[in-house]
Each structure stands twice: as C-alpha cells, then as structure tokens.
C-alpha cells in the first residue's frame, strides 16, 4: 500500500481540510475515490484513511503529530476533505463515523498494544 502523509489539518466552521506533504497530480487525483474506512498502524502510531484508484489502495497517514488538530476536527463534527492539489479535493465521507468506531474499539483493547492505546487516550480523551 502506498502512503500519502498528512502535513497539517485546518479546522474551519463547516469543514476540516487535510493537507498532504506533497500534491497529487491532476491525473492521479481524478482517479482517486474514497475508501470509506480507517485502519491503524499501532506500531508507528498512525491512523490510515483508505482511498483507492485503479491501481489499488492508498493510505492517508495521520501520524501522531497531527492528532491534536485531528481531534479538533473530529470533535467539531465537520466534513473532512483531503486537498489533493490546488484544484482537487476529495470528501472523506466516513471519517467521523470511522473515528468514533475506532476510538471506542481501541479503549481497553490489548490488540492495539498498550503504548498505542495510551497515546490515543492522551490526545483523544
């Protein structure tokens, strides 16, 4: 799976915009669609929102350094958009529902590892 790394997150009144550390070409951006699920990398402390195209799945990596802004966007219950380049953004339609499920599931669940659980708890509780 190819990863695209989140550089920053901007929380507005109605939307939360996710900025990548590098832009995606127009051609590639037009092929991407929302995968509508979040996975975790509990070893490297990241949430991975899945997007896809004809080549397969790609993970949008929300590493620990962006979690405070991720929390603000999640708690404000805004729609999340991924800015792919200057002219294209992708709606991450299931972001809030998926985060709610994961945050509930991670709590007290040893499958994610104690260190990951504590890191999530320290930011999201």
C-alpha atoms as a PDB file:
ATOM      1  CA  UNK A   1       0.000   0.000   0.000  1.00  0.00           C
ATOM      2  CA  UNK A   2       1.292   3.432  -0.922  1.00  0.00           C
ATOM      3  CA  UNK A   3       1.091   6.100   1.785  1.00  0.00           C
ATOM      4  CA  UNK A   4       0.388   9.803   1.487  1.00  0.00           C
ATOM      5  CA  UNK A   5       1.463  11.716   4.586  1.00  0.00           C
ATOM      6  CA  UNK A   6      -0.627  14.421   6.226  1.00  0.00           C
ATOM      7  CA  UNK A   7       1.333  17.608   6.776  1.00  0.00           C
ATOM      8  CA  UNK A   8      -1.353  19.632   8.530  1.00  0.00           C
ATOM      9  CA  UNK A   9      -5.061  19.882   9.262  1.00  0.00           C
ATOM     10  CA  UNK A  10      -7.123  23.067   9.191  1.00  0.00           C
ATOM     11  CA  UNK A  11     -10.380  23.056  11.133  1.00  0.00           C
ATOM     12  CA  UNK A  12     -12.977  25.544   9.916  1.00  0.00           C
ATOM     13  CA  UNK A  13     -16.543  26.263  10.957  1.00  0.00           C
ATOM     14  CA  UNK A  14     -18.083  23.830   8.475  1.00  0.00           C
ATOM     15  CA  UNK A  15     -15.206  21.769   7.074  1.00  0.00           C
ATOM     16  CA  UNK A  16     -11.915  20.261   8.098  1.00  0.00           C
ATOM     17  CA  UNK A  17      -9.260  20.337   5.378  1.00  0.00           C
ATOM     18  CA  UNK A  18      -6.435  17.810   5.373  1.00  0.00           C
ATOM     19  CA  UNK A  19      -3.210  18.914   3.636  1.00  0.00           C
ATOM     20  CA  UNK A  20      -0.664  16.429   2.346  1.00  0.00           C
ATOM     21  CA  UNK A  21       3.098  16.887   2.459  1.00  0.00           C
ATOM     22  CA  UNK A  22       3.089  16.797  -1.358  1.00  0.00           C
ATOM     23  CA  UNK A  23       0.469  17.444  -4.019  1.00  0.00           C
ATOM     24  CA  UNK A  24      -1.039  14.701  -6.150  1.00  0.00           C
ATOM     25  CA  UNK A  25      -1.030  15.210  -9.936  1.00  0.00           C
ATOM     26  CA  UNK A  26      -4.342  16.151 -11.575  1.00  0.00           C
ATOM     27  CA  UNK A  27      -4.361  12.882 -13.476  1.00  0.00           C
ATOM     28  CA  UNK A  28      -3.899  10.780 -10.333  1.00  0.00           C
ATOM     29  CA  UNK A  29      -6.245  12.948  -8.267  1.00  0.00           C
ATOM     30  CA  UNK A  30      -9.102  12.461 -10.727  1.00  0.00           C
ATOM     31  CA  UNK A  31      -8.816   8.668 -10.380  1.00  0.00           C
ATOM     32  CA  UNK A  32      -8.915   8.586  -6.569  1.00  0.00           C
ATOM     33  CA  UNK A  33     -12.063   7.752  -4.654  1.00  0.00           C
ATOM     34  CA  UNK A  34     -12.975   7.469  -1.004  1.00  0.00           C
ATOM     35  CA  UNK A  35     -12.329   4.024   0.500  1.00  0.00           C
ATOM     36  CA  UNK A  36     -14.613   4.893   3.440  1.00  0.00           C
ATOM     37  CA  UNK A  37     -12.617   3.221   6.203  1.00  0.00           C
ATOM     38  CA  UNK A  38      -9.811   3.886   8.661  1.00  0.00           C
ATOM     39  CA  UNK A  39      -7.163   1.396   9.697  1.00  0.00           C
ATOM     40  CA  UNK A  40      -4.441   1.866  12.291  1.00  0.00           C
ATOM     41  CA  UNK A  41      -0.700   1.389  12.332  1.00  0.00           C
ATOM     42  CA  UNK A  42      -0.291   0.700  16.037  1.00  0.00           C
ATOM     43  CA  UNK A  43       3.472   0.135  15.679  1.00  0.00           C
ATOM     44  CA  UNK A  44       4.126   3.547  14.109  1.00  0.00           C
ATOM     45  CA  UNK A  45       1.224   5.365  15.847  1.00  0.00           C
ATOM     46  CA  UNK A  46      -0.861   6.437  12.855  1.00  0.00           C
ATOM     47  CA  UNK A  47      -4.431   6.373  11.635  1.00  0.00           C
ATOM     48  CA  UNK A  48      -4.717   5.377   7.958  1.00  0.00           C
ATOM     49  CA  UNK A  49      -7.714   6.622   5.999  1.00  0.00           C
ATOM     50  CA  UNK A  50      -8.089   4.455   2.903  1.00  0.00           C
ATOM     51  CA  UNK A  51      -8.561   5.876  -0.576  1.00  0.00           C
ATOM     52  CA  UNK A  52      -8.368   3.890  -3.784  1.00  0.00           C
ATOM     53  CA  UNK A  53      -7.887   4.001  -7.534  1.00  0.00           C
ATOM     54  CA  UNK A  54      -7.464   1.501 -10.361  1.00  0.00           C
ATOM     55  CA  UNK A  55      -4.001   0.523  -9.050  1.00  0.00           C
ATOM     56  CA  UNK A  56      -5.222  -0.390  -5.568  1.00  0.00           C
ATOM     57  CA  UNK A  57      -5.456   1.075  -2.095  1.00  0.00           C
ATOM     58  CA  UNK A  58      -3.596   4.063  -0.681  1.00  0.00           C
ATOM     59  CA  UNK A  59      -3.369   5.104   2.949  1.00  0.00           C
ATOM     60  CA  UNK A  60      -3.596   8.701   4.114  1.00  0.00           C
ATOM     61  CA  UNK A  61      -1.264   8.658   7.143  1.00  0.00           C
ATOM     62  CA  UNK A  62      -2.361  10.722  10.116  1.00  0.00           C
ATOM     63  CA  UNK A  63       0.797  10.443  12.209  1.00  0.00           C
ATOM     64  CA  UNK A  64       0.813  11.374  15.876  1.00  0.00           C
ATOM     65  CA  UNK A  65       1.998  14.965  15.331  1.00  0.00           C
ATOM     66  CA  UNK A  66      -1.337  15.892  13.659  1.00  0.00           C
ATOM     67  CA  UNK A  67      -3.592  14.154  16.194  1.00  0.00           C
ATOM     68  CA  UNK A  68      -4.419  17.315  18.205  1.00  0.00           C
ATOM     69  CA  UNK A  69      -5.838  19.003  15.071  1.00  0.00           C
ATOM     70  CA  UNK A  70      -7.440  15.730  14.002  1.00  0.00           C
ATOM     71  CA  UNK A  71      -9.209  15.663  17.363  1.00  0.00           C
ATOM     72  CA  UNK A  72     -10.451  19.247  16.924  1.00  0.00           C
ATOM     73  CA  UNK A  73     -11.892  18.407  13.501  1.00  0.00           C
ATOM     74  CA  UNK A  74     -13.451  15.203  14.752  1.00  0.00           C
ATOM     75  CA  UNK A  75     -14.993  16.856  17.818  1.00  0.00           C
ATOM     76  CA  UNK A  76     -16.404  19.718  15.733  1.00  0.00           C
ATOM     77  CA  UNK A  77     -18.239  17.096  13.618  1.00  0.00           C
ATOM     78  CA  UNK A  78     -17.318  18.823  10.368  1.00  0.00           C
ATOM     79  CA  UNK A  79     -16.952  17.142   6.990  1.00  0.00           C
ATOM     80  CA  UNK A  80     -13.356  16.129   6.273  1.00  0.00           C
ATOM     81  CA  UNK A  81     -11.849  16.972   2.879  1.00  0.00           C
ATOM     82  CA  UNK A  82      -8.480  15.844   1.577  1.00  0.00           C
ATOM     83  CA  UNK A  83      -6.777  18.529  -0.507  1.00  0.00           C
ATOM     84  CA  UNK A  84      -5.038  16.595  -3.277  1.00  0.00           C
ATOM     85  CA  UNK A  85      -3.795  19.655  -5.205  1.00  0.00           C
ATOM     86  CA  UNK A  86      -4.782  23.257  -5.938  1.00  0.00           C
ATOM     87  CA  UNK A  87      -7.870  22.251  -7.917  1.00  0.00           C
ATOM     88  CA  UNK A  88      -8.954  18.922  -6.416  1.00  0.00           C
ATOM     89  CA  UNK A  89     -10.218  17.843  -3.037  1.00  0.00           C
ATOM     90  CA  UNK A  90     -11.734  14.523  -2.029  1.00  0.00           C
ATOM     91  CA  UNK A  91     -14.513  14.149   0.531  1.00  0.00           C
ATOM     92  CA  UNK A  92     -13.629  11.672   3.279  1.00  0.00           C
ATOM     93  CA  UNK A  93     -17.278  10.844   3.851  1.00  0.00           C
ATOM     94  CA  UNK A  94     -16.941   8.246   6.599  1.00  0.00           C
ATOM     95  CA  UNK A  95     -14.187   9.940   8.579  1.00  0.00           C
ATOM     96  CA  UNK A  96     -16.188  10.860  11.675  1.00  0.00           C
ATOM     97  CA  UNK A  97     -18.071   7.556  11.861  1.00  0.00           C
ATOM     98  CA  UNK A  98     -14.888   5.541  11.403  1.00  0.00           C
ATOM     99  CA  UNK A  99     -13.033   7.566  14.058  1.00  0.00           C
ATOM    100  CA  UNK A 100     -15.896   7.119  16.515  1.00  0.00           C
ATOM    101  CA  UNK A 101     -15.811   3.360  15.970  1.00  0.00           C
ATOM    102  CA  UNK A 102     -12.025   3.149  16.303  1.00  0.00           C
ATOM    103  CA  UNK A 103     -11.762   5.344  19.389  1.00  0.00           C
ATOM    104  CA  UNK A 104     -14.364   3.214  21.125  1.00  0.00           C
ATOM    105  CA  UNK A 105     -12.721  -0.013  19.971  1.00  0.00           C
ATOM    106  CA  UNK A 106      -9.174   0.993  20.961  1.00  0.00           C
ATOM    107  CA  UNK A 107     -10.140   1.760  24.558  1.00  0.00           C
ATOM    108  CA  UNK A 108      -9.177  -1.214  26.710  1.00  0.00           C
ATOM    109  CA  UNK A 109      -8.365  -3.381  23.679  1.00  0.00           C
ATOM    110  CA  UNK A 110      -4.997  -5.089  24.039  1.00  0.00           C
ATOM    111  CA  UNK A 111      -4.864  -5.922  20.333  1.00  0.00           C
ATOM    112  CA  UNK A 112      -3.609  -2.417  19.559  1.00  0.00           C
ATOM    113  CA  UNK A 113      -0.813  -2.513  22.125  1.00  0.00           C
ATOM    114  CA  UNK A 114      -0.656  -0.646  25.400  1.00  0.00           C
ATOM    115  CA  UNK A 115       1.633   2.106  24.088  1.00  0.00           C
ATOM    116  CA  UNK A 116      -0.690   2.917  21.184  1.00  0.00           C
ATOM    117  CA  UNK A 117      -3.752   2.838  23.420  1.00  0.00           C
ATOM    118  CA  UNK A 118      -2.102   5.249  25.874  1.00  0.00           C
ATOM    119  CA  UNK A 119      -1.018   7.589  23.065  1.00  0.00           C
ATOM    120  CA  UNK A 120      -4.553   7.695  21.656  1.00  0.00           C
ATOM    121  CA  UNK A 121      -6.026   8.183  25.123  1.00  0.00           C
ATOM    122  CA  UNK A 122      -3.659  11.070  25.913  1.00  0.00           C
ATOM    123  CA  UNK A 123      -4.865  13.021  22.863  1.00  0.00           C
ATOM    124  CA  UNK A 124      -8.478  11.976  22.339  1.00  0.00           C
ATOM    125  CA  UNK A 125      -9.802  11.799  25.924  1.00  0.00           C
END
